[in-house]
């Protein structure tokens, strides 16, 4: 079984904030698969699913971002799942919107939710999927908190709608084929222009067609 832990803050106040991209992505997966989140046996909401012969569990901690590790470690202790079978879906303001970076392990990179998971699991050896939420211009240090806790702009919300199928396929690839294949296929910016039509529009059309064929 794979655990897919999307990070965010619970409550309507934070629902569409940049810091909540992990929740947004998992909500899309659940809707796509027609499965419902229910209160888990700990500080989280969860939904079980299966792709082929691969079981997985979607988790949204309700501990608030900075204590995400409490929920993840509690689930790990109860289920016996191995750290390498966890995929943490997080925001990253240092990556531009449209960028996905998947890695098998590493430090927290200044992300408090990842720091909490590392602390409570006592290991850095768990995969994570970083979804870029950054803008083209650099942020000043004093802007970090306000930026990640602010809502996506209307334009960004429309862009995210085009990106959600890619996030979904990235997670599905991890569940079915593992971390290496996922890294090879998804570590890039899905909004970069490659021709006059633009990757964003072309990629969306291709993804829609692929979803129809699934």
N, C-alpha and C. Protein backbone atom coordinates (compact mmCIF):
# COMPACT_ATOMS: atom_id res chain seq x y z
N UNK A 1 0.84 -1.20 0.00
CA UNK A 1 0.00 0.00 0.00
C UNK A 1 0.88 1.25 0.00
N UNK A 2 0.39 2.29 -0.66
CA UNK A 2 1.06 3.58 -0.68
C UNK A 2 0.23 4.60 0.11
N UNK A 3 0.91 5.43 0.86
CA UNK A 3 0.25 6.54 1.55
C UNK A 3 0.57 7.82 0.80
N UNK A 4 -0.47 8.55 0.38
CA UNK A 4 -0.31 9.83 -0.27
C UNK A 4 -0.81 10.90 0.71
N UNK A 5 0.12 11.64 1.28
CA UNK A 5 -0.22 12.64 2.30
C UNK A 5 -0.11 14.03 1.69
N UNK A 6 -1.25 14.67 1.52
CA UNK A 6 -1.27 16.04 1.02
C UNK A 6 -1.24 17.01 2.19
N UNK A 7 -0.36 18.00 2.12
CA UNK A 7 -0.22 18.93 3.24
C UNK A 7 -1.03 20.20 3.03
N UNK A 8 -1.55 20.72 4.14
CA UNK A 8 -2.34 21.94 4.10
C UNK A 8 -2.87 22.28 5.47
N UNK A 9 -3.68 23.30 5.53
CA UNK A 9 -4.33 23.71 6.77
C UNK A 9 -5.84 23.49 6.64
N UNK A 10 -6.47 22.92 7.67
CA UNK A 10 -7.92 22.68 7.60
C UNK A 10 -8.72 23.96 7.77
N UNK A 11 -9.94 23.94 7.27
CA UNK A 11 -10.84 25.07 7.46
C UNK A 11 -11.01 25.90 6.20
N UNK A 12 -12.18 26.51 6.08
CA UNK A 12 -12.51 27.29 4.88
C UNK A 12 -11.60 28.49 4.70
N UNK A 13 -11.05 29.01 5.79
CA UNK A 13 -10.17 30.17 5.73
C UNK A 13 -8.95 29.92 4.85
N UNK A 14 -8.49 28.67 4.84
CA UNK A 14 -7.26 28.34 4.12
C UNK A 14 -7.49 27.57 2.83
N UNK A 15 -8.74 27.30 2.50
CA UNK A 15 -9.06 26.34 1.44
C UNK A 15 -8.34 26.60 0.12
N UNK A 16 -8.30 27.85 -0.33
CA UNK A 16 -7.72 28.16 -1.63
C UNK A 16 -6.41 28.94 -1.51
N UNK A 17 -5.75 28.80 -0.37
CA UNK A 17 -4.45 29.46 -0.21
C UNK A 17 -3.36 28.63 -0.88
N UNK A 18 -2.26 29.30 -1.20
CA UNK A 18 -1.16 28.64 -1.89
C UNK A 18 -0.58 27.49 -1.06
N UNK A 19 -0.55 27.67 0.24
CA UNK A 19 0.01 26.65 1.14
C UNK A 19 -0.80 25.36 1.11
N UNK A 20 -2.03 25.44 0.58
CA UNK A 20 -2.94 24.29 0.61
C UNK A 20 -2.98 23.52 -0.70
N UNK A 21 -1.99 23.68 -1.55
CA UNK A 21 -2.01 22.98 -2.83
C UNK A 21 -2.06 21.47 -2.64
N UNK A 22 -1.47 20.96 -1.55
CA UNK A 22 -1.52 19.53 -1.27
C UNK A 22 -2.95 19.04 -1.06
N UNK A 23 -3.74 19.81 -0.31
CA UNK A 23 -5.15 19.47 -0.10
C UNK A 23 -5.92 19.57 -1.42
N UNK A 24 -5.64 20.63 -2.19
CA UNK A 24 -6.34 20.86 -3.45
C UNK A 24 -6.13 19.69 -4.40
N UNK A 25 -4.89 19.21 -4.47
CA UNK A 25 -4.57 18.10 -5.37
C UNK A 25 -5.26 16.82 -4.92
N UNK A 26 -5.25 16.53 -3.62
CA UNK A 26 -5.90 15.31 -3.13
C UNK A 26 -7.41 15.38 -3.28
N UNK A 27 -7.99 16.55 -3.13
CA UNK A 27 -9.43 16.69 -3.35
C UNK A 27 -9.77 16.38 -4.81
N UNK A 28 -8.92 16.81 -5.71
CA UNK A 28 -9.13 16.52 -7.13
C UNK A 28 -9.03 15.02 -7.39
N UNK A 29 -8.04 14.36 -6.80
CA UNK A 29 -7.90 12.91 -6.96
C UNK A 29 -9.14 12.18 -6.48
N UNK A 30 -9.62 12.57 -5.31
CA UNK A 30 -10.79 11.90 -4.74
C UNK A 30 -12.01 12.10 -5.63
N UNK A 31 -12.16 13.31 -6.16
CA UNK A 31 -13.29 13.58 -7.06
C UNK A 31 -13.15 12.76 -8.35
N UNK A 32 -11.94 12.69 -8.90
CA UNK A 32 -11.70 11.94 -10.13
C UNK A 32 -12.02 10.46 -9.93
N UNK A 33 -11.68 9.93 -8.75
CA UNK A 33 -11.87 8.51 -8.47
C UNK A 33 -13.23 8.20 -7.85
N UNK A 34 -14.01 9.25 -7.58
CA UNK A 34 -15.33 9.08 -6.94
C UNK A 34 -15.21 8.39 -5.60
N UNK A 35 -14.24 8.83 -4.79
CA UNK A 35 -14.11 8.33 -3.43
C UNK A 35 -14.23 9.52 -2.48
N UNK A 36 -14.68 9.25 -1.25
CA UNK A 36 -14.96 10.32 -0.30
C UNK A 36 -13.99 10.30 0.87
N UNK A 37 -13.61 11.48 1.32
CA UNK A 37 -12.81 11.60 2.53
C UNK A 37 -13.70 11.41 3.75
N UNK A 38 -13.18 10.65 4.71
CA UNK A 38 -13.88 10.42 5.97
C UNK A 38 -12.90 10.61 7.11
N UNK A 39 -13.42 10.88 8.29
CA UNK A 39 -12.56 11.05 9.46
C UNK A 39 -11.76 9.77 9.68
N UNK A 40 -10.45 9.91 9.83
CA UNK A 40 -9.59 8.76 10.04
C UNK A 40 -9.48 8.39 11.51
N UNK A 41 -8.68 7.40 11.80
CA UNK A 41 -8.48 6.96 13.17
C UNK A 41 -7.32 7.73 13.81
N UNK A 42 -7.33 9.01 13.58
CA UNK A 42 -6.30 9.90 14.08
C UNK A 42 -6.60 11.30 13.60
N UNK A 43 -5.59 12.16 13.61
CA UNK A 43 -5.78 13.56 13.25
C UNK A 43 -5.70 13.77 11.73
N UNK A 44 -6.61 13.15 11.02
CA UNK A 44 -6.61 13.29 9.57
C UNK A 44 -7.95 12.87 8.98
N UNK A 45 -8.17 13.29 7.75
CA UNK A 45 -9.25 12.75 6.92
C UNK A 45 -8.60 11.90 5.84
N UNK A 46 -9.23 10.77 5.52
CA UNK A 46 -8.61 9.87 4.57
C UNK A 46 -9.62 9.23 3.62
N UNK A 47 -9.08 8.72 2.52
CA UNK A 47 -9.90 8.02 1.53
C UNK A 47 -9.07 6.90 0.93
N UNK A 48 -9.64 5.70 0.87
CA UNK A 48 -8.94 4.53 0.33
C UNK A 48 -9.28 4.36 -1.14
N UNK A 49 -8.30 3.88 -1.89
CA UNK A 49 -8.53 3.63 -3.30
C UNK A 49 -7.62 2.53 -3.82
N UNK A 50 -7.80 2.20 -5.09
CA UNK A 50 -7.01 1.14 -5.71
C UNK A 50 -6.85 1.43 -7.19
N UNK A 51 -5.63 1.28 -7.68
CA UNK A 51 -5.34 1.39 -9.11
C UNK A 51 -4.74 0.06 -9.54
N UNK A 52 -5.47 -0.69 -10.36
CA UNK A 52 -5.01 -2.02 -10.71
C UNK A 52 -4.95 -2.87 -9.44
N UNK A 53 -3.75 -3.41 -9.16
CA UNK A 53 -3.55 -4.19 -7.94
C UNK A 53 -2.90 -3.37 -6.83
N UNK A 54 -2.85 -2.06 -7.00
CA UNK A 54 -2.12 -1.20 -6.07
C UNK A 54 -3.07 -0.44 -5.16
N UNK A 55 -3.04 -0.76 -3.88
CA UNK A 55 -3.85 -0.06 -2.90
C UNK A 55 -3.15 1.22 -2.46
N UNK A 56 -3.95 2.25 -2.18
CA UNK A 56 -3.37 3.48 -1.66
C UNK A 56 -4.36 4.14 -0.70
N UNK A 57 -3.83 5.09 0.06
CA UNK A 57 -4.64 5.82 1.03
C UNK A 57 -4.29 7.29 0.92
N UNK A 58 -5.31 8.12 0.66
CA UNK A 58 -5.12 9.56 0.61
C UNK A 58 -5.34 10.15 1.99
N UNK A 59 -4.40 10.97 2.44
CA UNK A 59 -4.50 11.55 3.78
C UNK A 59 -4.39 13.07 3.74
N UNK A 60 -5.31 13.73 4.47
CA UNK A 60 -5.21 15.17 4.69
C UNK A 60 -5.14 15.39 6.20
N UNK A 61 -3.95 15.68 6.74
CA UNK A 61 -3.84 15.93 8.18
C UNK A 61 -4.66 17.15 8.59
N UNK A 62 -5.23 17.10 9.79
CA UNK A 62 -5.98 18.24 10.32
C UNK A 62 -5.27 18.85 11.53
N UNK A 63 -3.98 18.63 11.58
CA UNK A 63 -3.15 19.12 12.69
C UNK A 63 -2.66 20.54 12.44
N UNK A 64 -2.97 21.10 11.29
CA UNK A 64 -2.36 22.31 10.75
C UNK A 64 -0.96 21.97 10.28
N UNK A 65 -0.51 22.76 9.31
CA UNK A 65 0.71 22.45 8.56
C UNK A 65 1.90 22.11 9.44
N UNK A 66 2.16 22.95 10.44
CA UNK A 66 3.39 22.81 11.21
C UNK A 66 3.47 21.55 12.05
N UNK A 67 2.34 20.86 12.21
CA UNK A 67 2.33 19.60 12.98
C UNK A 67 1.91 18.41 12.12
N UNK A 68 2.14 18.51 10.83
CA UNK A 68 1.74 17.44 9.90
C UNK A 68 2.33 16.09 10.29
N UNK A 69 3.53 16.10 10.85
CA UNK A 69 4.21 14.86 11.20
C UNK A 69 3.49 14.04 12.25
N UNK A 70 2.68 14.70 13.07
CA UNK A 70 1.94 13.96 14.10
C UNK A 70 0.97 12.99 13.45
N UNK A 71 0.23 13.46 12.45
CA UNK A 71 -0.73 12.61 11.76
C UNK A 71 -0.03 11.54 10.94
N UNK A 72 1.01 11.92 10.20
CA UNK A 72 1.70 10.97 9.33
C UNK A 72 2.35 9.86 10.14
N UNK A 73 3.03 10.23 11.21
CA UNK A 73 3.71 9.21 12.03
C UNK A 73 2.70 8.30 12.74
N UNK A 74 1.56 8.86 13.14
CA UNK A 74 0.52 8.05 13.77
C UNK A 74 0.00 7.01 12.80
N UNK A 75 -0.24 7.41 11.55
CA UNK A 75 -0.70 6.47 10.53
C UNK A 75 0.36 5.40 10.27
N UNK A 76 1.61 5.82 10.18
CA UNK A 76 2.70 4.88 9.93
C UNK A 76 2.78 3.85 11.06
N UNK A 77 2.67 4.30 12.28
CA UNK A 77 2.75 3.38 13.43
C UNK A 77 1.58 2.40 13.45
N UNK A 78 0.42 2.84 13.05
CA UNK A 78 -0.76 1.98 13.07
C UNK A 78 -0.81 1.02 11.89
N UNK A 79 -0.28 1.45 10.75
CA UNK A 79 -0.39 0.64 9.53
C UNK A 79 0.86 -0.19 9.24
N UNK A 80 2.01 0.24 9.78
CA UNK A 80 3.26 -0.45 9.50
C UNK A 80 3.83 -0.13 8.13
N UNK A 81 3.30 0.89 7.46
CA UNK A 81 3.79 1.25 6.14
C UNK A 81 5.23 1.76 6.23
N UNK A 82 6.02 1.47 5.20
CA UNK A 82 7.41 1.88 5.18
C UNK A 82 7.53 3.31 4.65
N UNK A 83 8.53 4.06 5.13
CA UNK A 83 8.70 5.45 4.67
C UNK A 83 8.82 5.58 3.16
N UNK A 84 9.45 4.61 2.50
CA UNK A 84 9.62 4.70 1.05
C UNK A 84 8.31 4.53 0.29
N UNK A 85 7.24 4.10 0.99
CA UNK A 85 5.94 3.96 0.36
C UNK A 85 5.02 5.15 0.65
N UNK A 86 5.61 6.21 1.18
CA UNK A 86 4.87 7.45 1.45
C UNK A 86 5.23 8.48 0.38
N UNK A 87 4.24 9.17 -0.14
CA UNK A 87 4.49 10.31 -0.99
C UNK A 87 3.82 11.53 -0.35
N UNK A 88 4.63 12.49 0.05
CA UNK A 88 4.11 13.71 0.65
C UNK A 88 3.97 14.77 -0.45
N UNK A 89 2.77 15.30 -0.59
CA UNK A 89 2.49 16.32 -1.60
C UNK A 89 2.50 17.68 -0.92
N UNK A 90 3.46 18.53 -1.29
CA UNK A 90 3.68 19.80 -0.60
C UNK A 90 3.75 20.96 -1.59
N UNK A 91 3.58 22.16 -1.06
CA UNK A 91 3.79 23.37 -1.85
C UNK A 91 5.26 23.76 -1.77
N UNK A 92 5.71 24.53 -2.77
CA UNK A 92 7.08 25.06 -2.75
C UNK A 92 7.08 26.41 -3.46
N UNK A 93 7.24 27.48 -2.68
CA UNK A 93 7.20 28.82 -3.27
C UNK A 93 8.50 29.17 -4.00
N UNK A 94 9.51 28.33 -3.84
CA UNK A 94 10.76 28.57 -4.56
C UNK A 94 10.74 27.99 -5.97
N UNK A 95 9.68 27.24 -6.29
CA UNK A 95 9.48 26.73 -7.64
C UNK A 95 8.31 27.48 -8.27
N UNK A 96 8.45 27.84 -9.54
CA UNK A 96 7.38 28.55 -10.22
C UNK A 96 6.15 27.68 -10.38
N UNK A 97 5.00 28.32 -10.37
CA UNK A 97 3.75 27.62 -10.62
C UNK A 97 3.84 26.84 -11.92
N UNK A 98 3.43 25.59 -11.88
CA UNK A 98 3.52 24.72 -13.04
C UNK A 98 4.65 23.71 -12.96
N UNK A 99 5.54 23.91 -11.99
CA UNK A 99 6.70 23.02 -11.84
C UNK A 99 6.40 21.90 -10.85
N UNK A 100 6.81 20.70 -11.20
CA UNK A 100 6.75 19.55 -10.30
C UNK A 100 8.17 19.06 -10.07
N UNK A 101 8.51 18.80 -8.82
CA UNK A 101 9.79 18.20 -8.48
C UNK A 101 9.53 17.03 -7.53
N UNK A 102 9.87 15.85 -7.97
CA UNK A 102 9.72 14.64 -7.15
C UNK A 102 11.11 14.17 -6.74
N UNK A 103 11.26 13.82 -5.47
CA UNK A 103 12.54 13.32 -4.99
C UNK A 103 12.30 12.23 -3.96
N UNK A 104 13.25 11.30 -3.79
CA UNK A 104 13.04 10.17 -2.88
C UNK A 104 13.32 10.48 -1.42
N UNK A 105 14.02 11.58 -1.15
CA UNK A 105 14.39 11.92 0.22
C UNK A 105 14.95 13.33 0.23
N UNK A 106 15.46 13.76 1.38
CA UNK A 106 16.08 15.07 1.46
C UNK A 106 15.68 15.83 2.70
N UNK A 107 16.25 17.03 2.84
CA UNK A 107 15.97 17.87 4.00
C UNK A 107 14.61 18.54 3.84
N UNK A 108 14.22 19.32 4.84
CA UNK A 108 12.91 19.98 4.79
C UNK A 108 12.89 21.18 3.85
N UNK A 109 14.06 21.71 3.49
CA UNK A 109 14.11 22.84 2.58
C UNK A 109 13.41 24.08 3.11
N UNK A 110 13.27 24.17 4.44
CA UNK A 110 12.61 25.32 5.04
C UNK A 110 11.11 25.19 5.13
N UNK A 111 10.57 24.03 4.76
CA UNK A 111 9.12 23.80 4.80
C UNK A 111 8.76 23.19 6.15
N UNK A 112 7.92 23.89 6.92
CA UNK A 112 7.60 23.45 8.28
C UNK A 112 6.85 22.13 8.33
N UNK A 113 5.99 21.88 7.33
CA UNK A 113 5.28 20.61 7.31
C UNK A 113 6.22 19.44 7.10
N UNK A 114 7.18 19.60 6.19
CA UNK A 114 8.17 18.55 5.96
C UNK A 114 9.08 18.39 7.17
N UNK A 115 9.44 19.50 7.79
CA UNK A 115 10.26 19.44 9.00
C UNK A 115 9.57 18.59 10.07
N UNK A 116 8.27 18.80 10.24
CA UNK A 116 7.52 18.06 11.24
C UNK A 116 7.49 16.57 10.93
N UNK A 117 7.32 16.22 9.66
CA UNK A 117 7.29 14.81 9.27
C UNK A 117 8.65 14.16 9.50
N UNK A 118 9.72 14.86 9.11
CA UNK A 118 11.07 14.33 9.35
C UNK A 118 11.30 14.11 10.84
N UNK A 119 10.87 15.07 11.63
CA UNK A 119 11.07 14.98 13.09
C UNK A 119 10.32 13.78 13.68
N UNK A 120 9.05 13.63 13.30
CA UNK A 120 8.24 12.58 13.92
C UNK A 120 8.52 11.19 13.35
N UNK A 121 8.96 11.11 12.11
CA UNK A 121 9.34 9.81 11.55
C UNK A 121 10.79 9.47 11.86
N UNK A 122 11.54 10.49 12.27
CA UNK A 122 12.97 10.32 12.56
C UNK A 122 13.74 9.83 11.34
N UNK A 123 13.35 10.32 10.16
CA UNK A 123 14.05 9.99 8.93
C UNK A 123 13.72 11.02 7.86
N UNK A 124 14.69 11.24 6.95
CA UNK A 124 14.46 12.08 5.78
C UNK A 124 14.17 11.24 4.54
N UNK A 125 14.14 9.91 4.74
CA UNK A 125 14.05 8.99 3.60
C UNK A 125 12.60 8.64 3.26
N UNK A 126 11.85 9.64 2.85
CA UNK A 126 10.51 9.40 2.33
C UNK A 126 10.32 10.30 1.11
N UNK A 127 9.66 9.81 0.06
CA UNK A 127 9.47 10.60 -1.15
C UNK A 127 8.55 11.79 -0.93
N UNK A 128 8.80 12.82 -1.69
CA UNK A 128 7.91 13.97 -1.66
C UNK A 128 7.75 14.54 -3.06
N UNK A 129 6.58 15.11 -3.29
CA UNK A 129 6.25 15.76 -4.56
C UNK A 129 6.05 17.24 -4.27
N UNK A 130 6.93 18.06 -4.80
CA UNK A 130 6.87 19.49 -4.58
C UNK A 130 6.13 20.14 -5.75
N UNK A 131 5.02 20.79 -5.44
CA UNK A 131 4.23 21.50 -6.45
C UNK A 131 4.56 22.98 -6.34
N UNK A 132 5.13 23.53 -7.40
CA UNK A 132 5.51 24.93 -7.37
C UNK A 132 4.32 25.86 -7.26
N UNK A 133 4.45 26.87 -6.40
CA UNK A 133 3.40 27.88 -6.26
C UNK A 133 3.99 29.27 -6.44
N UNK A 134 5.29 29.35 -6.79
CA UNK A 134 5.99 30.62 -6.84
C UNK A 134 5.65 31.46 -8.05
N UNK A 135 6.06 32.71 -7.98
CA UNK A 135 5.88 33.64 -9.09
C UNK A 135 7.23 33.84 -9.78
N UNK A 136 7.20 34.55 -10.89
CA UNK A 136 8.42 34.72 -11.68
C UNK A 136 9.44 35.62 -10.99
N UNK A 137 8.96 36.58 -10.20
CA UNK A 137 9.86 37.46 -9.47
C UNK A 137 10.15 36.88 -8.08
N UNK A 138 11.35 37.08 -7.60
CA UNK A 138 11.76 36.53 -6.31
C UNK A 138 11.00 37.20 -5.17
N UNK A 139 10.76 36.41 -4.13
CA UNK A 139 10.14 36.92 -2.92
C UNK A 139 11.21 37.37 -1.93
N UNK A 140 10.91 38.41 -1.19
CA UNK A 140 11.76 38.81 -0.09
C UNK A 140 11.41 37.96 1.12
N UNK A 141 12.38 37.77 2.00
CA UNK A 141 12.17 36.88 3.15
C UNK A 141 10.96 37.29 3.97
N UNK A 142 10.76 38.59 4.11
CA UNK A 142 9.65 39.06 4.93
C UNK A 142 8.29 38.85 4.24
N UNK A 143 8.31 38.45 2.97
CA UNK A 143 7.08 38.21 2.24
C UNK A 143 6.63 36.75 2.27
N UNK A 144 7.51 35.85 2.70
CA UNK A 144 7.25 34.40 2.61
C UNK A 144 5.91 34.00 3.20
N UNK A 145 5.71 34.34 4.47
CA UNK A 145 4.52 33.85 5.19
C UNK A 145 3.24 34.39 4.57
N UNK A 146 3.21 35.71 4.33
CA UNK A 146 2.01 36.30 3.74
C UNK A 146 1.71 35.71 2.36
N UNK A 147 2.77 35.42 1.60
CA UNK A 147 2.57 34.89 0.26
C UNK A 147 1.94 33.50 0.29
N UNK A 148 2.50 32.58 1.07
CA UNK A 148 1.98 31.22 1.06
C UNK A 148 0.60 31.12 1.69
N UNK A 149 0.26 32.05 2.59
CA UNK A 149 -1.05 32.02 3.23
C UNK A 149 -2.09 32.87 2.51
N UNK A 150 -1.69 33.46 1.38
CA UNK A 150 -2.65 34.22 0.58
C UNK A 150 -3.31 33.31 -0.45
N UNK A 151 -4.47 33.72 -0.92
CA UNK A 151 -5.19 32.91 -1.92
C UNK A 151 -4.55 33.06 -3.29
N UNK A 152 -4.68 32.00 -4.08
CA UNK A 152 -4.29 32.09 -5.48
C UNK A 152 -5.13 33.17 -6.16
N UNK A 153 -4.52 33.88 -7.10
CA UNK A 153 -5.28 34.86 -7.87
C UNK A 153 -6.25 34.13 -8.80
N UNK A 154 -7.20 34.85 -9.36
CA UNK A 154 -8.17 34.23 -10.27
C UNK A 154 -7.46 33.59 -11.46
N UNK A 155 -6.44 34.28 -12.00
CA UNK A 155 -5.69 33.72 -13.12
C UNK A 155 -4.97 32.44 -12.72
N UNK A 156 -4.39 32.44 -11.52
CA UNK A 156 -3.68 31.25 -11.04
C UNK A 156 -4.64 30.08 -10.83
N UNK A 157 -5.83 30.37 -10.37
CA UNK A 157 -6.82 29.31 -10.16
C UNK A 157 -7.16 28.63 -11.49
N UNK A 158 -7.25 29.42 -12.54
CA UNK A 158 -7.52 28.84 -13.87
C UNK A 158 -6.35 28.00 -14.34
N UNK A 159 -5.14 28.46 -14.08
CA UNK A 159 -3.95 27.70 -14.45
C UNK A 159 -3.91 26.37 -13.69
N UNK A 160 -4.23 26.41 -12.42
CA UNK A 160 -4.20 25.19 -11.60
C UNK A 160 -5.18 24.16 -12.14
N UNK A 161 -6.32 24.62 -12.65
CA UNK A 161 -7.27 23.68 -13.25
C UNK A 161 -6.64 22.90 -14.38
N UNK A 162 -5.75 23.56 -15.15
CA UNK A 162 -5.08 22.87 -16.26
C UNK A 162 -3.97 21.95 -15.75
N UNK A 163 -3.47 22.23 -14.55
CA UNK A 163 -2.35 21.45 -14.00
C UNK A 163 -2.81 20.22 -13.22
N UNK A 164 -4.04 20.25 -12.71
CA UNK A 164 -4.50 19.17 -11.84
C UNK A 164 -4.38 17.78 -12.47
N UNK A 165 -4.68 17.60 -13.77
CA UNK A 165 -4.49 16.26 -14.36
C UNK A 165 -3.03 15.79 -14.33
N UNK A 166 -2.08 16.73 -14.43
CA UNK A 166 -0.67 16.35 -14.37
C UNK A 166 -0.28 15.93 -12.96
N UNK A 167 -0.76 16.68 -11.98
CA UNK A 167 -0.51 16.29 -10.59
C UNK A 167 -1.07 14.88 -10.33
N UNK A 168 -2.28 14.66 -10.85
CA UNK A 168 -2.92 13.35 -10.68
C UNK A 168 -2.08 12.24 -11.29
N UNK A 169 -1.64 12.44 -12.51
CA UNK A 169 -0.87 11.39 -13.18
C UNK A 169 0.49 11.17 -12.53
N UNK A 170 1.05 12.23 -11.97
CA UNK A 170 2.30 12.09 -11.23
C UNK A 170 2.11 11.15 -10.04
N UNK A 171 1.05 11.37 -9.30
CA UNK A 171 0.77 10.53 -8.13
C UNK A 171 0.43 9.10 -8.55
N UNK A 172 -0.38 8.95 -9.58
CA UNK A 172 -0.72 7.62 -10.07
C UNK A 172 0.53 6.86 -10.51
N UNK A 173 1.46 7.56 -11.15
CA UNK A 173 2.70 6.91 -11.60
C UNK A 173 3.51 6.43 -10.40
N UNK A 174 3.55 7.23 -9.35
CA UNK A 174 4.24 6.79 -8.13
C UNK A 174 3.60 5.53 -7.57
N UNK A 175 2.29 5.51 -7.52
CA UNK A 175 1.58 4.36 -6.96
C UNK A 175 1.83 3.10 -7.78
N UNK A 176 1.82 3.24 -9.09
CA UNK A 176 1.91 2.08 -9.98
C UNK A 176 3.34 1.69 -10.33
N UNK A 177 4.24 2.69 -10.50
CA UNK A 177 5.55 2.40 -11.06
C UNK A 177 6.73 2.80 -10.17
N UNK A 178 6.46 3.51 -9.09
CA UNK A 178 7.54 3.83 -8.17
C UNK A 178 8.18 5.19 -8.40
N UNK A 179 9.14 5.50 -7.55
CA UNK A 179 9.72 6.83 -7.50
C UNK A 179 10.58 7.16 -8.73
N UNK A 180 11.38 6.23 -9.23
CA UNK A 180 12.29 6.53 -10.34
C UNK A 180 11.53 6.90 -11.60
N UNK A 181 10.53 6.11 -11.95
CA UNK A 181 9.74 6.40 -13.14
C UNK A 181 9.02 7.73 -12.98
N UNK A 182 8.55 8.01 -11.78
CA UNK A 182 7.85 9.27 -11.52
C UNK A 182 8.78 10.46 -11.72
N UNK A 183 9.99 10.36 -11.20
CA UNK A 183 10.97 11.43 -11.37
C UNK A 183 11.30 11.66 -12.84
N UNK A 184 11.50 10.59 -13.55
CA UNK A 184 11.86 10.69 -14.97
C UNK A 184 10.77 11.33 -15.81
N UNK A 185 9.53 11.09 -15.42
CA UNK A 185 8.41 11.54 -16.23
C UNK A 185 7.87 12.92 -15.86
N UNK A 186 8.06 13.34 -14.61
CA UNK A 186 7.34 14.52 -14.14
C UNK A 186 8.19 15.66 -13.58
N UNK A 187 9.50 15.51 -13.52
CA UNK A 187 10.31 16.59 -12.97
C UNK A 187 10.57 17.68 -14.02
N UNK A 188 9.59 18.55 -14.17
CA UNK A 188 9.73 19.66 -15.13
C UNK A 188 8.61 20.68 -14.90
N UNK A 189 8.68 21.76 -15.66
CA UNK A 189 7.63 22.78 -15.63
C UNK A 189 6.64 22.50 -16.75
N UNK A 190 5.39 22.31 -16.41
CA UNK A 190 4.38 21.94 -17.39
C UNK A 190 3.73 23.15 -18.07
N UNK A 191 4.24 24.35 -17.77
CA UNK A 191 3.71 25.55 -18.41
C UNK A 191 4.70 26.19 -19.36
N UNK A 192 5.88 25.61 -19.50
CA UNK A 192 6.88 26.20 -20.38
C UNK A 192 6.43 26.10 -21.83
N UNK A 193 6.61 27.18 -22.58
CA UNK A 193 6.23 27.21 -23.99
C UNK A 193 7.27 26.50 -24.84
N UNK A 194 6.80 25.62 -25.71
CA UNK A 194 7.71 24.94 -26.63
C UNK A 194 7.41 25.29 -28.08
N UNK A 195 6.25 25.93 -28.31
CA UNK A 195 5.91 26.39 -29.65
C UNK A 195 4.93 27.55 -29.54
N UNK A 196 4.47 28.05 -30.68
CA UNK A 196 3.61 29.22 -30.66
C UNK A 196 2.27 28.96 -29.98
N UNK A 197 1.86 27.72 -29.92
CA UNK A 197 0.59 27.40 -29.27
C UNK A 197 0.71 27.43 -27.76
N UNK A 198 1.90 27.08 -27.25
CA UNK A 198 2.11 27.10 -25.82
C UNK A 198 1.84 25.76 -25.18
N UNK A 199 2.72 25.37 -24.30
CA UNK A 199 2.58 24.07 -23.65
C UNK A 199 1.32 23.97 -22.83
N UNK A 200 0.94 25.07 -22.18
CA UNK A 200 -0.21 25.01 -21.28
C UNK A 200 -1.46 24.54 -22.01
N UNK A 201 -1.78 25.17 -23.15
CA UNK A 201 -2.98 24.80 -23.88
C UNK A 201 -2.84 23.42 -24.51
N UNK A 202 -1.70 23.17 -25.13
CA UNK A 202 -1.49 21.90 -25.81
C UNK A 202 -1.50 20.74 -24.83
N UNK A 203 -0.83 20.92 -23.68
CA UNK A 203 -0.76 19.86 -22.68
C UNK A 203 -2.13 19.57 -22.09
N UNK A 204 -2.91 20.62 -21.89
CA UNK A 204 -4.25 20.42 -21.37
C UNK A 204 -5.09 19.59 -22.33
N UNK A 205 -5.01 19.91 -23.62
CA UNK A 205 -5.79 19.16 -24.61
C UNK A 205 -5.37 17.69 -24.64
N UNK A 206 -4.05 17.45 -24.59
CA UNK A 206 -3.55 16.07 -24.59
C UNK A 206 -4.01 15.31 -23.35
N UNK A 207 -4.00 16.02 -22.19
CA UNK A 207 -4.37 15.35 -20.95
C UNK A 207 -5.86 15.01 -20.92
N UNK A 208 -6.67 15.94 -21.42
CA UNK A 208 -8.12 15.68 -21.49
C UNK A 208 -8.39 14.44 -22.32
N UNK A 209 -7.71 14.33 -23.46
CA UNK A 209 -7.90 13.18 -24.32
C UNK A 209 -7.45 11.90 -23.63
N UNK A 210 -6.32 12.00 -22.88
CA UNK A 210 -5.82 10.81 -22.17
C UNK A 210 -6.81 10.37 -21.10
N UNK A 211 -7.40 11.34 -20.37
CA UNK A 211 -8.37 10.99 -19.34
C UNK A 211 -9.60 10.32 -19.94
N UNK A 212 -9.98 10.74 -21.13
CA UNK A 212 -11.14 10.12 -21.80
C UNK A 212 -10.87 8.66 -22.13
N UNK A 213 -9.59 8.37 -22.39
CA UNK A 213 -9.21 7.01 -22.80
C UNK A 213 -8.96 6.08 -21.63
N UNK A 214 -8.91 6.64 -20.40
CA UNK A 214 -8.61 5.80 -19.22
C UNK A 214 -9.84 4.98 -18.81
